[in-house]
Amino acid sequence: MPHLRTSAPTEPLTLLEAKLHLRVTHEAEDTLISTLISAARDSAEQLLQRALCTSAWQLSLAAFPGGAIALPMPPLVSIQSVQYRDTAGALQTLSASDYLVDAASTPGQILPALDRSWPATQAGHPAAVVVAYTAGYGAPEAVPAPIKAWMLLAIGDLYANREASSDRPAQLQPFADRLLDPYRLWAV
């Protein structure tokens, strides 16, 4: 499971976009609406298993696999480092020439360079291999429109049904999750 190192500096939706969708013209609930934007983004990322705006991730493995290392939370933007604990337990950093990056695959992956194999690692270490990488669609404008539409619907439901003990629990319209289907990772 990947670990989020640094969140994206911006959300896929602006406060203004959310307020326009909610038809809110005052500033009294700007903090609440900003929180709902973050909640909707987080929910979309969990459902899709994708990073929306560019963020920094880290994947830890007990050892190098036999082949490619799939990097969760696509789309993959870049690799910052591939570090490992050698058989003596010393921390080593692979040179970028020691591996190939396949950012076009979903999820992105890294493989040993053509004439190389992954090095041996310290046995029994739960994080013998650590890959630091960047993932996400990039700027908010690059996030696909159906994902943003889903977020707006989620924000609308959360805003309108903010009471946990409501007699009508918040539920997105039945078609809403279908907006996410083309971007969903079905098997990772």
Foldseek 3Di string as FASTA:
>chain_A
DKDFDWAAPDALDDLVRLCVLLVNDDCPCSVVLVVLSVVLQVVLCVQQQARAAKTKMKDFAQWDDQWKDFDTHAQFDWWPWKWFQAQVGDIDTDDPQQWDWANVDVHTIIGGHPVDHGHGGHHPDRGRIMIMGMHHLHDSVRGDPLSVVLSSQSSNQCVVAVDPPDPDHRDGDPCSVVSCVVSHDPDD
